[in-house]
Amino acid sequence: MRYAGLTDEPAKRKRQRSSPDDFRVMQQFTCEASAQQWLRRMLGQRYEDDSSGKGWKYGYTFSSRR
């Protein structure tokens, strides 16, 4: 599964997700509206929502193997 989410603390979020090798900060945002628009685009590309992060300044992705 591929996940996308928003956070203000990407390093902390990566640790919370057990430091996946492919964890990437994809974009930095200056307003919440842009961040939410990015997240909607990612969800439209078949990413799952990783909404447990707090904030919206950074958009990140990672995958999880089953």
PDB file of N, CA and C in Angstrom:
ATOM      1  N   MET A   1       0.833  -1.178   0.000  1.00  0.00           N
ATOM      2  CA  MET A   1       0.000   0.000   0.000  1.00  0.00           C
ATOM      3  C   MET A   1       0.878   1.242   0.000  1.00  0.00           C
ATOM      4  N   ARG A   2       0.415   2.257  -0.685  1.00  0.00           N
ATOM      5  CA  ARG A   2       1.100   3.548  -0.710  1.00  0.00           C
ATOM      6  C   ARG A   2       0.275   4.543   0.092  1.00  0.00           C
ATOM      7  N   TYR A   3       0.960   5.364   0.871  1.00  0.00           N
ATOM      8  CA  TYR A   3       0.293   6.327   1.740  1.00  0.00           C
ATOM      9  C   TYR A   3       0.794   7.731   1.457  1.00  0.00           C
ATOM     10  N   ALA A   4      -0.076   8.710   1.674  1.00  0.00           N
ATOM     11  CA  ALA A   4       0.277  10.127   1.582  1.00  0.00           C
ATOM     12  C   ALA A   4      -0.350  10.835   2.773  1.00  0.00           C
ATOM     13  N   GLY A   5       0.327  11.845   3.282  1.00  0.00           N
ATOM     14  CA  GLY A   5      -0.205  12.580   4.419  1.00  0.00           C
ATOM     15  C   GLY A   5       0.437  13.943   4.562  1.00  0.00           C
ATOM     16  N   LEU A   6      -0.028  14.676   5.540  1.00  0.00           N
ATOM     17  CA  LEU A   6       0.459  16.016   5.837  1.00  0.00           C
ATOM     18  C   LEU A   6       0.927  16.066   7.278  1.00  0.00           C
ATOM     19  N   THR A   7       1.971  16.839   7.533  1.00  0.00           N
ATOM     20  CA  THR A   7       2.490  16.983   8.886  1.00  0.00           C
ATOM     21  C   THR A   7       3.313  18.258   9.001  1.00  0.00           C
ATOM     22  N   ASP A   8       3.508  18.719  10.221  1.00  0.00           N
ATOM     23  CA  ASP A   8       4.434  19.822  10.484  1.00  0.00           C
ATOM     24  C   ASP A   8       5.799  19.295  10.906  1.00  0.00           C
ATOM     25  N   GLU A   9       5.866  18.008  11.252  1.00  0.00           N
ATOM     26  CA  GLU A   9       7.103  17.416  11.753  1.00  0.00           C
ATOM     27  C   GLU A   9       7.425  16.118  11.007  1.00  0.00           C
ATOM     28  N   PRO A  10       8.013  16.224   9.806  1.00  0.00           N
ATOM     29  CA  PRO A  10       8.238  15.023   9.002  1.00  0.00           C
ATOM     30  C   PRO A  10       9.182  14.004   9.653  1.00  0.00           C
ATOM     31  N   ALA A  11      10.223  14.447  10.350  1.00  0.00           N
ATOM     32  CA  ALA A  11      11.147  13.489  10.975  1.00  0.00           C
ATOM     33  C   ALA A  11      10.432  12.680  12.057  1.00  0.00           C
ATOM     34  N   LYS A  12       9.612  13.343  12.833  1.00  0.00           N
ATOM     35  CA  LYS A  12       8.845  12.651  13.876  1.00  0.00           C
ATOM     36  C   LYS A  12       7.859  11.671  13.244  1.00  0.00           C
ATOM     37  N   ARG A  13       7.213  12.097  12.178  1.00  0.00           N
ATOM     38  CA  ARG A  13       6.234  11.243  11.498  1.00  0.00           C
ATOM     39  C   ARG A  13       6.911   9.994  10.941  1.00  0.00           C
ATOM     40  N   LYS A  14       8.110  10.172  10.378  1.00  0.00           N
ATOM     41  CA  LYS A  14       8.854   9.032   9.843  1.00  0.00           C
ATOM     42  C   LYS A  14       9.164   8.034  10.959  1.00  0.00           C
ATOM     43  N   ARG A  15       9.599   8.507  12.104  1.00  0.00           N
ATOM     44  CA  ARG A  15       9.877   7.614  13.238  1.00  0.00           C
ATOM     45  C   ARG A  15       8.606   6.895  13.689  1.00  0.00           C
ATOM     46  N   GLN A  16       7.493   7.613  13.717  1.00  0.00           N
ATOM     47  CA  GLN A  16       6.226   6.998  14.136  1.00  0.00           C
ATOM     48  C   GLN A  16       5.797   5.879  13.192  1.00  0.00           C
ATOM     49  N   ARG A  17       6.219   5.966  11.968  1.00  0.00           N
ATOM     50  CA  ARG A  17       5.879   4.949  10.958  1.00  0.00           C
ATOM     51  C   ARG A  17       6.986   3.914  10.816  1.00  0.00           C
ATOM     52  N   SER A  18       7.851   3.792  11.804  1.00  0.00           N
ATOM     53  CA  SER A  18       8.948   2.808  11.824  1.00  0.00           C
ATOM     54  C   SER A  18       9.974   3.048  10.728  1.00  0.00           C
ATOM     55  N   SER A  19      10.175   4.296  10.373  1.00  0.00           N
ATOM     56  CA  SER A  19      11.219   4.720   9.427  1.00  0.00           C
ATOM     57  C   SER A  19      11.252   3.940   8.118  1.00  0.00           C
ATOM     58  N   PRO A  20      10.176   3.948   7.352  1.00  0.00           N
ATOM     59  CA  PRO A  20      10.208   3.242   6.063  1.00  0.00           C
ATOM     60  C   PRO A  20      11.306   3.817   5.160  1.00  0.00           C
ATOM     61  N   ASP A  21      11.985   2.940   4.417  1.00  0.00           N
ATOM     62  CA  ASP A  21      13.080   3.372   3.543  1.00  0.00           C
ATOM     63  C   ASP A  21      12.644   4.374   2.484  1.00  0.00           C
ATOM     64  N   ASP A  22      11.404   4.278   2.046  1.00  0.00           N
ATOM     65  CA  ASP A  22      10.947   5.151   0.966  1.00  0.00           C
ATOM     66  C   ASP A  22      10.119   6.341   1.471  1.00  0.00           C
ATOM     67  N   PHE A  23      10.225   6.669   2.746  1.00  0.00           N
ATOM     68  CA  PHE A  23       9.531   7.852   3.274  1.00  0.00           C
ATOM     69  C   PHE A  23      10.148   9.084   2.619  1.00  0.00           C
ATOM     70  N   ARG A  24       9.309   9.900   1.978  1.00  0.00           N
ATOM     71  CA  ARG A  24       9.797  11.088   1.270  1.00  0.00           C
ATOM     72  C   ARG A  24       8.914  12.295   1.571  1.00  0.00           C
ATOM     73  N   VAL A  25       9.558  13.417   1.862  1.00  0.00           N
ATOM     74  CA  VAL A  25       8.830  14.686   1.894  1.00  0.00           C
ATOM     75  C   VAL A  25       8.749  15.126   0.445  1.00  0.00           C
ATOM     76  N   MET A  26       7.541  15.218  -0.053  1.00  0.00           N
ATOM     77  CA  MET A  26       7.339  15.511  -1.468  1.00  0.00           C
ATOM     78  C   MET A  26       7.208  17.001  -1.747  1.00  0.00           C
ATOM     79  N   GLN A  27       6.657  17.730  -0.764  1.00  0.00           N
ATOM     80  CA  GLN A  27       6.412  19.152  -1.009  1.00  0.00           C
ATOM     81  C   GLN A  27       6.271  19.882   0.317  1.00  0.00           C
ATOM     82  N   GLN A  28       6.694  21.154   0.311  1.00  0.00           N
ATOM     83  CA  GLN A  28       6.499  22.036   1.462  1.00  0.00           C
ATOM     84  C   GLN A  28       5.451  23.069   1.062  1.00  0.00           C
ATOM     85  N   PHE A  29       4.564  23.412   2.003  1.00  0.00           N
ATOM     86  CA  PHE A  29       3.451  24.301   1.691  1.00  0.00           C
ATOM     87  C   PHE A  29       3.504  25.573   2.526  1.00  0.00           C
ATOM     88  N   THR A  30       2.926  26.635   1.968  1.00  0.00           N
ATOM     89  CA  THR A  30       2.846  27.909   2.688  1.00  0.00           C
ATOM     90  C   THR A  30       1.433  28.209   3.158  1.00  0.00           C
ATOM     91  N   CYS A  31       0.465  27.410   2.694  1.00  0.00           N
ATOM     92  CA  CYS A  31      -0.907  27.588   3.183  1.00  0.00           C
ATOM     93  C   CYS A  31      -1.616  26.233   3.207  1.00  0.00           C
ATOM     94  N   GLU A  32      -2.552  26.117   4.122  1.00  0.00           N
ATOM     95  CA  GLU A  32      -3.249  24.847   4.320  1.00  0.00           C
ATOM     96  C   GLU A  32      -4.082  24.452   3.107  1.00  0.00           C
ATOM     97  N   ALA A  33      -4.656  25.436   2.420  1.00  0.00           N
ATOM     98  CA  ALA A  33      -5.481  25.118   1.244  1.00  0.00           C
ATOM     99  C   ALA A  33      -4.662  24.395   0.174  1.00  0.00           C
ATOM    100  N   SER A  34      -3.449  24.851  -0.076  1.00  0.00           N
ATOM    101  CA  SER A  34      -2.577  24.184  -1.053  1.00  0.00           C
ATOM    102  C   SER A  34      -2.222  22.783  -0.599  1.00  0.00           C
ATOM    103  N   ALA A  35      -1.965  22.630   0.695  1.00  0.00           N
ATOM    104  CA  ALA A  35      -1.626  21.324   1.243  1.00  0.00           C
ATOM    105  C   ALA A  35      -2.784  20.348   1.063  1.00  0.00           C
ATOM    106  N   GLN A  36      -3.982  20.783   1.374  1.00  0.00           N
ATOM    107  CA  GLN A  36      -5.156  19.916   1.234  1.00  0.00           C
ATOM    108  C   GLN A  36      -5.406  19.566  -0.227  1.00  0.00           C
ATOM    109  N   GLN A  37      -5.163  20.496  -1.131  1.00  0.00           N
ATOM    110  CA  GLN A  37      -5.327  20.229  -2.561  1.00  0.00           C
ATOM    111  C   GLN A  37      -4.322  19.162  -3.014  1.00  0.00           C
ATOM    112  N   TRP A  38      -3.076  19.264  -2.559  1.00  0.00           N
ATOM    113  CA  TRP A  38      -2.066  18.261  -2.883  1.00  0.00           C
ATOM    114  C   TRP A  38      -2.497  16.888  -2.381  1.00  0.00           C
ATOM    115  N   LEU A  39      -2.973  16.832  -1.134  1.00  0.00           N
ATOM    116  CA  LEU A  39      -3.393  15.551  -0.560  1.00  0.00           C
ATOM    117  C   LEU A  39      -4.543  14.947  -1.365  1.00  0.00           C
ATOM    118  N   ARG A  40      -5.500  15.759  -1.776  1.00  0.00           N
ATOM    119  CA  ARG A  40      -6.605  15.246  -2.601  1.00  0.00           C
ATOM    120  C   ARG A  40      -6.079  14.677  -3.919  1.00  0.00           C
ATOM    121  N   ARG A  41      -5.102  15.353  -4.529  1.00  0.00           N
ATOM    122  CA  ARG A  41      -4.509  14.833  -5.775  1.00  0.00           C
ATOM    123  C   ARG A  41      -3.836  13.491  -5.538  1.00  0.00           C
ATOM    124  N   MET A  42      -3.116  13.372  -4.425  1.00  0.00           N
ATOM    125  CA  MET A  42      -2.434  12.110  -4.127  1.00  0.00           C
ATOM    126  C   MET A  42      -3.451  10.991  -3.891  1.00  0.00           C
ATOM    127  N   LEU A  43      -4.517  11.291  -3.193  1.00  0.00           N
ATOM    128  CA  LEU A  43      -5.554  10.278  -2.960  1.00  0.00           C
ATOM    129  C   LEU A  43      -6.207   9.872  -4.273  1.00  0.00           C
ATOM    130  N   GLY A  44      -6.320  10.819  -5.199  1.00  0.00           N
ATOM    131  CA  GLY A  44      -6.843  10.507  -6.524  1.00  0.00           C
ATOM    132  C   GLY A  44      -5.908   9.626  -7.334  1.00  0.00           C
ATOM    133  N   GLN A  45      -4.645   9.559  -6.930  1.00  0.00           N
ATOM    134  CA  GLN A  45      -3.656   8.707  -7.604  1.00  0.00           C
ATOM    135  C   GLN A  45      -3.493   7.367  -6.874  1.00  0.00           C
ATOM    136  N   ARG A  46      -4.496   7.005  -6.098  1.00  0.00           N
ATOM    137  CA  ARG A  46      -4.582   5.724  -5.400  1.00  0.00           C
ATOM    138  C   ARG A  46      -3.667   5.604  -4.188  1.00  0.00           C
ATOM    139  N   TYR A  47      -3.282   6.711  -3.608  1.00  0.00           N
ATOM    140  CA  TYR A  47      -2.606   6.679  -2.317  1.00  0.00           C
ATOM    141  C   TYR A  47      -3.674   6.576  -1.238  1.00  0.00           C
ATOM    142  N   GLU A  48      -3.344   5.919  -0.142  1.00  0.00           N
ATOM    143  CA  GLU A  48      -4.220   5.859   1.014  1.00  0.00           C
ATOM    144  C   GLU A  48      -3.908   7.056   1.904  1.00  0.00           C
ATOM    145  N   ASP A  49      -4.890   7.534   2.636  1.00  0.00           N
ATOM    146  CA  ASP A  49      -4.723   8.690   3.511  1.00  0.00           C
ATOM    147  C   ASP A  49      -4.053   8.280   4.821  1.00  0.00           C
ATOM    148  N   ASP A  50      -2.918   8.892   5.103  1.00  0.00           N
ATOM    149  CA  ASP A  50      -2.245   8.696   6.385  1.00  0.00           C
ATOM    150  C   ASP A  50      -2.519   9.953   7.211  1.00  0.00           C
ATOM    151  N   SER A  51      -3.721  10.042   7.744  1.00  0.00           N
ATOM    152  CA  SER A  51      -4.185  11.280   8.377  1.00  0.00           C
ATOM    153  C   SER A  51      -3.856  11.371   9.859  1.00  0.00           C
ATOM    154  N   SER A  52      -2.970  10.507  10.335  1.00  0.00           N
ATOM    155  CA  SER A  52      -2.660  10.558  11.763  1.00  0.00           C
ATOM    156  C   SER A  52      -1.579  11.578  12.103  1.00  0.00           C
ATOM    157  N   GLY A  53      -0.987  12.230  11.108  1.00  0.00           N
ATOM    158  CA  GLY A  53      -0.020  13.289  11.362  1.00  0.00           C
ATOM    159  C   GLY A  53      -0.722  14.577  11.752  1.00  0.00           C
ATOM    160  N   LYS A  54       0.012  15.488  12.382  1.00  0.00           N
ATOM    161  CA  LYS A  54      -0.567  16.770  12.776  1.00  0.00           C
ATOM    162  C   LYS A  54       0.060  17.883  11.957  1.00  0.00           C
ATOM    163  N   GLY A  55      -0.774  18.787  11.506  1.00  0.00           N
ATOM    164  CA  GLY A  55      -0.288  19.923  10.738  1.00  0.00           C
ATOM    165  C   GLY A  55      -0.449  19.716   9.246  1.00  0.00           C
ATOM    166  N   TRP A  56       0.140  20.641   8.468  1.00  0.00           N
ATOM    167  CA  TRP A  56      -0.030  20.605   7.015  1.00  0.00           C
ATOM    168  C   TRP A  56       1.172  21.181   6.254  1.00  0.00           C
ATOM    169  N   LYS A  57       2.247  21.538   6.894  1.00  0.00           N
ATOM    170  CA  LYS A  57       3.356  22.234   6.226  1.00  0.00           C
ATOM    171  C   LYS A  57       4.144  21.377   5.242  1.00  0.00           C
ATOM    172  N   TYR A  58       4.116  20.060   5.424  1.00  0.00           N
ATOM    173  CA  TYR A  58       4.859  19.158   4.541  1.00  0.00           C
ATOM    174  C   TYR A  58       3.953  18.029   4.077  1.00  0.00           C
ATOM    175  N   GLY A  59       4.045  17.725   2.801  1.00  0.00           N
ATOM    176  CA  GLY A  59       3.356  16.566   2.249  1.00  0.00           C
ATOM    177  C   GLY A  59       4.349  15.431   2.078  1.00  0.00           C
ATOM    178  N   TYR A  60       4.003  14.238   2.539  1.00  0.00           N
ATOM    179  CA  TYR A  60       4.932  13.103   2.488  1.00  0.00           C
ATOM    180  C   TYR A  60       4.232  11.877   1.943  1.00  0.00           C
ATOM    181  N   THR A  61       5.065  10.930   1.492  1.00  0.00           N
ATOM    182  CA  THR A  61       4.565   9.650   1.016  1.00  0.00           C
ATOM    183  C   THR A  61       5.470   8.547   1.547  1.00  0.00           C
ATOM    184  N   PHE A  62       4.926   7.346   1.590  1.00  0.00           N
ATOM    185  CA  PHE A  62       5.688   6.145   1.909  1.00  0.00           C
ATOM    186  C   PHE A  62       4.830   4.949   1.544  1.00  0.00           C
ATOM    187  N   SER A  63       5.456   3.785   1.516  1.00  0.00           N
ATOM    188  CA  SER A  63       4.686   2.570   1.239  1.00  0.00           C
ATOM    189  C   SER A  63       4.886   1.593   2.385  1.00  0.00           C
ATOM    190  N   SER A  64       3.967   0.665   2.469  1.00  0.00           N
ATOM    191  CA  SER A  64       4.003  -0.345   3.517  1.00  0.00           C
ATOM    192  C   SER A  64       3.805  -1.690   2.865  1.00  0.00           C
ATOM    193  N   ARG A  65       4.688  -2.591   3.148  1.00  0.00           N
ATOM    194  CA  ARG A  65       4.577  -3.938   2.611  1.00  0.00           C
ATOM    195  C   ARG A  65       3.749  -4.784   3.556  1.00  0.00           C
ATOM    196  N   ARG A  66       2.924  -5.620   3.011  1.00  0.00           N
ATOM    197  CA  ARG A  66       2.083  -6.507   3.834  1.00  0.00           C
ATOM    198  C   ARG A  66       2.792  -7.798   4.091  1.00  0.00           C
TER     199      ARG A  66
END
